[in-house]
Amino acid sequence: MEVRENNNREKLERAKKRVEELKGFYIHLTIYILVNTFISTIQIMDNIRDGESFNDAIWNFGTFAVWFFWGIGLFSHGVKVYSLIPFFGKDWERKQIQKYMDKDKKEAEKYR
């Protein structure tokens, strides 16, 4: 009975951690959109004030530079959260932990 309770507790903790990771990603995404919209609006208005046409102001590299570079970080965050790349994912972590636990167990058995 106690084993089942520990198993359920572990599942609950993993689920809570997963929800926190998703929440963190969605917060990051929301801030990304809000901040970059604000920065782009200011950049476009500043370029128009300096005499550029609206079309030139929109397609200026400076308008999209922050979107692009921050987007790389956001993309990486999303890949990690959604486990899109198998390297260093949850299964990889579990396998590595199990590998080292088995190694330690074998080492301990040698010295008995």
N, C-alpha and C. Protein backbone atom coordinates (compact mmCIF):
# COMPACT_ATOMS: atom_id res chain seq x y z
N MET A 1 0.82 -1.19 0.00
CA MET A 1 0.00 0.00 0.00
C MET A 1 0.87 1.26 0.00
N GLU A 2 1.95 1.21 0.80
CA GLU A 2 2.84 2.36 0.90
C GLU A 2 3.56 2.63 -0.42
N VAL A 3 3.90 1.55 -1.13
CA VAL A 3 4.57 1.69 -2.42
C VAL A 3 3.67 2.43 -3.40
N ARG A 4 2.39 2.07 -3.40
CA ARG A 4 1.43 2.72 -4.30
C ARG A 4 1.28 4.20 -3.96
N GLU A 5 1.26 4.52 -2.66
CA GLU A 5 1.16 5.92 -2.24
C GLU A 5 2.39 6.70 -2.68
N ASN A 6 3.57 6.11 -2.53
CA ASN A 6 4.80 6.78 -2.98
C ASN A 6 4.79 6.97 -4.49
N ASN A 7 4.32 5.96 -5.21
CA ASN A 7 4.24 6.04 -6.67
C ASN A 7 3.27 7.15 -7.08
N ASN A 8 2.13 7.22 -6.41
CA ASN A 8 1.16 8.29 -6.72
C ASN A 8 1.72 9.66 -6.37
N ARG A 9 2.45 9.74 -5.27
CA ARG A 9 3.05 11.00 -4.86
C ARG A 9 4.09 11.45 -5.89
N GLU A 10 4.90 10.50 -6.38
CA GLU A 10 5.89 10.82 -7.41
C GLU A 10 5.22 11.29 -8.69
N LYS A 11 4.14 10.62 -9.07
CA LYS A 11 3.41 11.03 -10.28
C LYS A 11 2.83 12.43 -10.11
N LEU A 12 2.31 12.71 -8.93
CA LEU A 12 1.76 14.03 -8.66
C LEU A 12 2.85 15.10 -8.74
N GLU A 13 4.01 14.82 -8.17
CA GLU A 13 5.12 15.77 -8.21
C GLU A 13 5.59 16.01 -9.65
N ARG A 14 5.67 14.94 -10.44
CA ARG A 14 6.06 15.10 -11.85
C ARG A 14 5.03 15.92 -12.61
N ALA A 15 3.76 15.67 -12.34
CA ALA A 15 2.69 16.42 -13.01
C ALA A 15 2.75 17.90 -12.62
N LYS A 16 2.99 18.18 -11.34
CA LYS A 16 3.10 19.57 -10.89
C LYS A 16 4.28 20.26 -11.55
N LYS A 17 5.40 19.55 -11.65
CA LYS A 17 6.59 20.12 -12.28
C LYS A 17 6.31 20.40 -13.76
N ARG A 18 5.63 19.50 -14.41
CA ARG A 18 5.30 19.67 -15.84
C ARG A 18 4.40 20.89 -16.04
N VAL A 19 3.41 21.05 -15.16
CA VAL A 19 2.51 22.20 -15.25
C VAL A 19 3.29 23.50 -15.03
N GLU A 20 4.22 23.50 -14.09
CA GLU A 20 5.04 24.69 -13.86
C GLU A 20 5.91 25.02 -15.07
N GLU A 21 6.45 24.00 -15.74
CA GLU A 21 7.24 24.22 -16.94
C GLU A 21 6.38 24.84 -18.04
N LEU A 22 5.18 24.29 -18.24
CA LEU A 22 4.27 24.83 -19.25
C LEU A 22 3.87 26.26 -18.92
N LYS A 23 3.57 26.50 -17.66
CA LYS A 23 3.20 27.84 -17.21
C LYS A 23 4.33 28.83 -17.49
N GLY A 24 5.56 28.42 -17.19
CA GLY A 24 6.71 29.28 -17.45
C GLY A 24 6.86 29.59 -18.93
N PHE A 25 6.63 28.59 -19.78
CA PHE A 25 6.73 28.82 -21.22
C PHE A 25 5.65 29.79 -21.69
N TYR A 26 4.43 29.62 -21.23
CA TYR A 26 3.34 30.52 -21.65
C TYR A 26 3.56 31.94 -21.16
N ILE A 27 4.11 32.09 -19.97
CA ILE A 27 4.45 33.43 -19.47
C ILE A 27 5.53 34.03 -20.36
N HIS A 28 6.55 33.25 -20.69
CA HIS A 28 7.62 33.71 -21.57
C HIS A 28 7.06 34.15 -22.93
N LEU A 29 6.16 33.34 -23.49
CA LEU A 29 5.53 33.66 -24.77
C LEU A 29 4.72 34.95 -24.70
N THR A 30 3.96 35.13 -23.64
CA THR A 30 3.14 36.34 -23.47
C THR A 30 4.02 37.58 -23.36
N ILE A 31 5.05 37.50 -22.55
CA ILE A 31 5.97 38.64 -22.40
C ILE A 31 6.67 38.93 -23.72
N TYR A 32 7.06 37.89 -24.44
CA TYR A 32 7.71 38.03 -25.75
C TYR A 32 6.81 38.84 -26.70
N ILE A 33 5.56 38.47 -26.77
CA ILE A 33 4.63 39.15 -27.69
C ILE A 33 4.40 40.59 -27.25
N LEU A 34 4.12 40.81 -25.98
CA LEU A 34 3.82 42.16 -25.49
C LEU A 34 5.01 43.10 -25.63
N VAL A 35 6.17 42.66 -25.16
CA VAL A 35 7.35 43.53 -25.19
C VAL A 35 7.79 43.81 -26.62
N ASN A 36 7.80 42.79 -27.46
CA ASN A 36 8.24 43.00 -28.83
C ASN A 36 7.26 43.84 -29.63
N THR A 37 5.97 43.72 -29.36
CA THR A 37 5.00 44.59 -30.02
C THR A 37 5.25 46.04 -29.63
N PHE A 38 5.50 46.28 -28.35
CA PHE A 38 5.79 47.63 -27.87
C PHE A 38 7.07 48.17 -28.51
N ILE A 39 8.13 47.36 -28.50
CA ILE A 39 9.41 47.80 -29.07
C ILE A 39 9.26 48.08 -30.56
N SER A 40 8.58 47.21 -31.28
CA SER A 40 8.41 47.41 -32.73
C SER A 40 7.59 48.66 -33.03
N THR A 41 6.55 48.90 -32.25
CA THR A 41 5.73 50.09 -32.44
C THR A 41 6.57 51.35 -32.24
N ILE A 42 7.35 51.38 -31.18
CA ILE A 42 8.22 52.53 -30.92
C ILE A 42 9.23 52.69 -32.05
N GLN A 43 9.82 51.60 -32.48
CA GLN A 43 10.82 51.63 -33.56
C GLN A 43 10.21 52.16 -34.86
N ILE A 44 9.03 51.69 -35.21
CA ILE A 44 8.36 52.14 -36.44
C ILE A 44 8.03 53.63 -36.35
N MET A 45 7.48 54.03 -35.21
CA MET A 45 7.13 55.45 -35.05
C MET A 45 8.38 56.33 -35.12
N ASP A 46 9.47 55.88 -34.52
CA ASP A 46 10.72 56.64 -34.54
C ASP A 46 11.26 56.74 -35.97
N ASN A 47 11.20 55.66 -36.73
CA ASN A 47 11.68 55.67 -38.11
C ASN A 47 10.83 56.59 -38.99
N ILE A 48 9.52 56.58 -38.77
CA ILE A 48 8.64 57.46 -39.54
C ILE A 48 8.94 58.92 -39.19
N ARG A 49 9.16 59.19 -37.91
CA ARG A 49 9.48 60.55 -37.48
C ARG A 49 10.78 61.04 -38.12
N ASP A 50 11.71 60.09 -38.37
CA ASP A 50 12.98 60.45 -38.99
C ASP A 50 12.88 60.59 -40.51
N GLY A 51 11.69 60.45 -41.06
CA GLY A 51 11.48 60.71 -42.47
C GLY A 51 11.33 59.48 -43.35
N GLU A 52 11.38 58.30 -42.78
CA GLU A 52 11.19 57.10 -43.59
C GLU A 52 9.71 56.90 -43.90
N SER A 53 9.43 56.24 -45.00
CA SER A 53 8.04 55.91 -45.32
C SER A 53 7.60 54.79 -44.38
N PHE A 54 6.30 54.63 -44.26
CA PHE A 54 5.76 53.59 -43.38
C PHE A 54 6.26 52.22 -43.81
N ASN A 55 6.27 51.95 -45.10
CA ASN A 55 6.71 50.66 -45.62
C ASN A 55 8.18 50.41 -45.28
N ASP A 56 9.02 51.43 -45.47
CA ASP A 56 10.44 51.29 -45.12
C ASP A 56 10.64 51.12 -43.62
N ALA A 57 9.84 51.82 -42.84
CA ALA A 57 9.95 51.74 -41.38
C ALA A 57 9.60 50.34 -40.88
N ILE A 58 8.59 49.72 -41.48
CA ILE A 58 8.18 48.38 -41.05
C ILE A 58 9.24 47.35 -41.40
N TRP A 59 9.80 47.44 -42.59
CA TRP A 59 10.74 46.42 -43.06
C TRP A 59 12.19 46.71 -42.68
N ASN A 60 12.40 47.63 -41.79
CA ASN A 60 13.74 47.92 -41.27
C ASN A 60 14.18 46.74 -40.39
N PHE A 61 15.46 46.34 -40.51
CA PHE A 61 15.96 45.21 -39.72
C PHE A 61 15.79 45.44 -38.22
N GLY A 62 15.99 46.68 -37.78
CA GLY A 62 15.87 46.99 -36.36
C GLY A 62 14.49 46.70 -35.80
N THR A 63 13.49 46.77 -36.67
CA THR A 63 12.12 46.50 -36.23
C THR A 63 11.94 45.04 -35.85
N PHE A 64 12.62 44.16 -36.53
CA PHE A 64 12.43 42.72 -36.30
C PHE A 64 13.61 42.03 -35.62
N ALA A 65 14.67 42.76 -35.37
CA ALA A 65 15.87 42.14 -34.78
C ALA A 65 15.57 41.50 -33.42
N VAL A 66 14.88 42.23 -32.56
CA VAL A 66 14.59 41.68 -31.22
C VAL A 66 13.65 40.49 -31.33
N TRP A 67 12.64 40.58 -32.22
CA TRP A 67 11.75 39.44 -32.45
C TRP A 67 12.56 38.21 -32.83
N PHE A 68 13.49 38.40 -33.74
CA PHE A 68 14.26 37.27 -34.26
C PHE A 68 15.16 36.66 -33.18
N PHE A 69 15.99 37.48 -32.55
CA PHE A 69 16.96 36.94 -31.61
C PHE A 69 16.31 36.42 -30.33
N TRP A 70 15.33 37.13 -29.83
CA TRP A 70 14.61 36.63 -28.65
C TRP A 70 13.82 35.39 -29.04
N GLY A 71 13.33 35.36 -30.28
CA GLY A 71 12.58 34.21 -30.78
C GLY A 71 13.40 32.93 -30.76
N ILE A 72 14.70 33.06 -30.99
CA ILE A 72 15.58 31.88 -30.91
C ILE A 72 15.54 31.32 -29.49
N GLY A 73 15.62 32.20 -28.51
CA GLY A 73 15.54 31.75 -27.12
C GLY A 73 14.18 31.17 -26.78
N LEU A 74 13.13 31.80 -27.27
CA LEU A 74 11.77 31.29 -27.02
C LEU A 74 11.59 29.92 -27.67
N PHE A 75 12.10 29.78 -28.87
CA PHE A 75 12.02 28.49 -29.56
C PHE A 75 12.73 27.40 -28.76
N SER A 76 13.91 27.72 -28.26
CA SER A 76 14.67 26.76 -27.45
C SER A 76 13.90 26.39 -26.18
N HIS A 77 13.28 27.37 -25.56
CA HIS A 77 12.48 27.12 -24.37
C HIS A 77 11.33 26.17 -24.70
N GLY A 78 10.65 26.43 -25.83
CA GLY A 78 9.54 25.57 -26.25
C GLY A 78 9.98 24.15 -26.55
N VAL A 79 11.14 24.01 -27.19
CA VAL A 79 11.67 22.67 -27.50
C VAL A 79 11.92 21.91 -26.21
N LYS A 80 12.47 22.59 -25.22
CA LYS A 80 12.75 21.94 -23.95
C LYS A 80 11.46 21.54 -23.24
N VAL A 81 10.52 22.46 -23.18
CA VAL A 81 9.27 22.20 -22.46
C VAL A 81 8.46 21.08 -23.11
N TYR A 82 8.38 21.09 -24.43
CA TYR A 82 7.58 20.09 -25.14
C TYR A 82 8.38 18.85 -25.52
N SER A 83 9.63 18.76 -25.05
CA SER A 83 10.49 17.60 -25.28
C SER A 83 10.54 17.21 -26.75
N LEU A 84 10.76 18.18 -27.62
CA LEU A 84 10.79 17.92 -29.05
C LEU A 84 12.10 17.30 -29.51
N ILE A 85 13.14 17.48 -28.73
CA ILE A 85 14.42 16.86 -29.05
C ILE A 85 14.70 15.84 -27.95
N PRO A 86 14.93 14.59 -28.35
CA PRO A 86 15.08 13.54 -27.34
C PRO A 86 16.31 13.67 -26.45
N PHE A 87 17.32 14.40 -26.89
CA PHE A 87 18.51 14.55 -26.07
C PHE A 87 18.18 15.38 -24.84
N PHE A 88 18.63 14.91 -23.71
CA PHE A 88 18.47 15.59 -22.44
C PHE A 88 17.00 15.75 -22.02
N GLY A 89 16.13 14.92 -22.53
CA GLY A 89 14.72 14.95 -22.15
C GLY A 89 14.50 14.16 -20.87
N LYS A 90 13.25 13.99 -20.50
CA LYS A 90 12.91 13.29 -19.26
C LYS A 90 13.36 11.83 -19.29
N ASP A 91 13.15 11.15 -20.42
CA ASP A 91 13.56 9.76 -20.51
C ASP A 91 15.07 9.63 -20.40
N TRP A 92 15.77 10.55 -21.04
CA TRP A 92 17.22 10.54 -20.98
C TRP A 92 17.67 10.71 -19.54
N GLU A 93 17.07 11.64 -18.81
CA GLU A 93 17.42 11.87 -17.41
C GLU A 93 17.18 10.61 -16.59
N ARG A 94 16.02 9.99 -16.77
CA ARG A 94 15.70 8.79 -16.01
C ARG A 94 16.69 7.66 -16.31
N LYS A 95 17.02 7.50 -17.59
CA LYS A 95 17.97 6.45 -17.98
C LYS A 95 19.35 6.70 -17.35
N GLN A 96 19.78 7.95 -17.34
CA GLN A 96 21.08 8.27 -16.77
C GLN A 96 21.08 8.03 -15.26
N ILE A 97 20.01 8.43 -14.60
CA ILE A 97 19.90 8.21 -13.16
C ILE A 97 19.93 6.72 -12.85
N GLN A 98 19.16 5.95 -13.63
CA GLN A 98 19.12 4.50 -13.42
C GLN A 98 20.49 3.88 -13.68
N LYS A 99 21.17 4.36 -14.71
CA LYS A 99 22.50 3.85 -15.04
C LYS A 99 23.47 4.05 -13.88
N TYR A 100 23.47 5.25 -13.30
CA TYR A 100 24.39 5.52 -12.19
C TYR A 100 23.97 4.79 -10.92
N MET A 101 22.67 4.62 -10.72
CA MET A 101 22.23 3.85 -9.56
C MET A 101 22.66 2.39 -9.68
N ASP A 102 22.52 1.83 -10.89
CA ASP A 102 22.94 0.45 -11.12
C ASP A 102 24.44 0.30 -10.93
N LYS A 103 25.19 1.28 -11.42
CA LYS A 103 26.65 1.26 -11.29
C LYS A 103 27.05 1.28 -9.81
N ASP A 104 26.41 2.17 -9.04
CA ASP A 104 26.71 2.25 -7.60
C ASP A 104 26.34 0.94 -6.90
N LYS A 105 25.23 0.33 -7.31
CA LYS A 105 24.79 -0.92 -6.70
C LYS A 105 25.81 -2.03 -6.98
N LYS A 106 26.31 -2.09 -8.21
CA LYS A 106 27.31 -3.09 -8.57
C LYS A 106 28.62 -2.86 -7.79
N GLU A 107 29.00 -1.60 -7.65
CA GLU A 107 30.21 -1.26 -6.89
C GLU A 107 30.06 -1.72 -5.43
N ALA A 108 28.88 -1.47 -4.87
CA ALA A 108 28.65 -1.86 -3.48
C ALA A 108 28.67 -3.38 -3.33
N GLU A 109 28.15 -4.10 -4.32
CA GLU A 109 28.13 -5.56 -4.24
C GLU A 109 29.53 -6.14 -4.35
N LYS A 110 30.43 -5.47 -5.04
CA LYS A 110 31.81 -5.95 -5.17
C LYS A 110 32.51 -6.01 -3.83
N TYR A 111 32.20 -5.05 -2.99
CA TYR A 111 32.90 -4.92 -1.71
C TYR A 111 32.21 -5.62 -0.56
N ARG A 112 31.21 -6.40 -0.84
CA ARG A 112 30.53 -7.15 0.23
C ARG A 112 31.19 -8.46 0.47
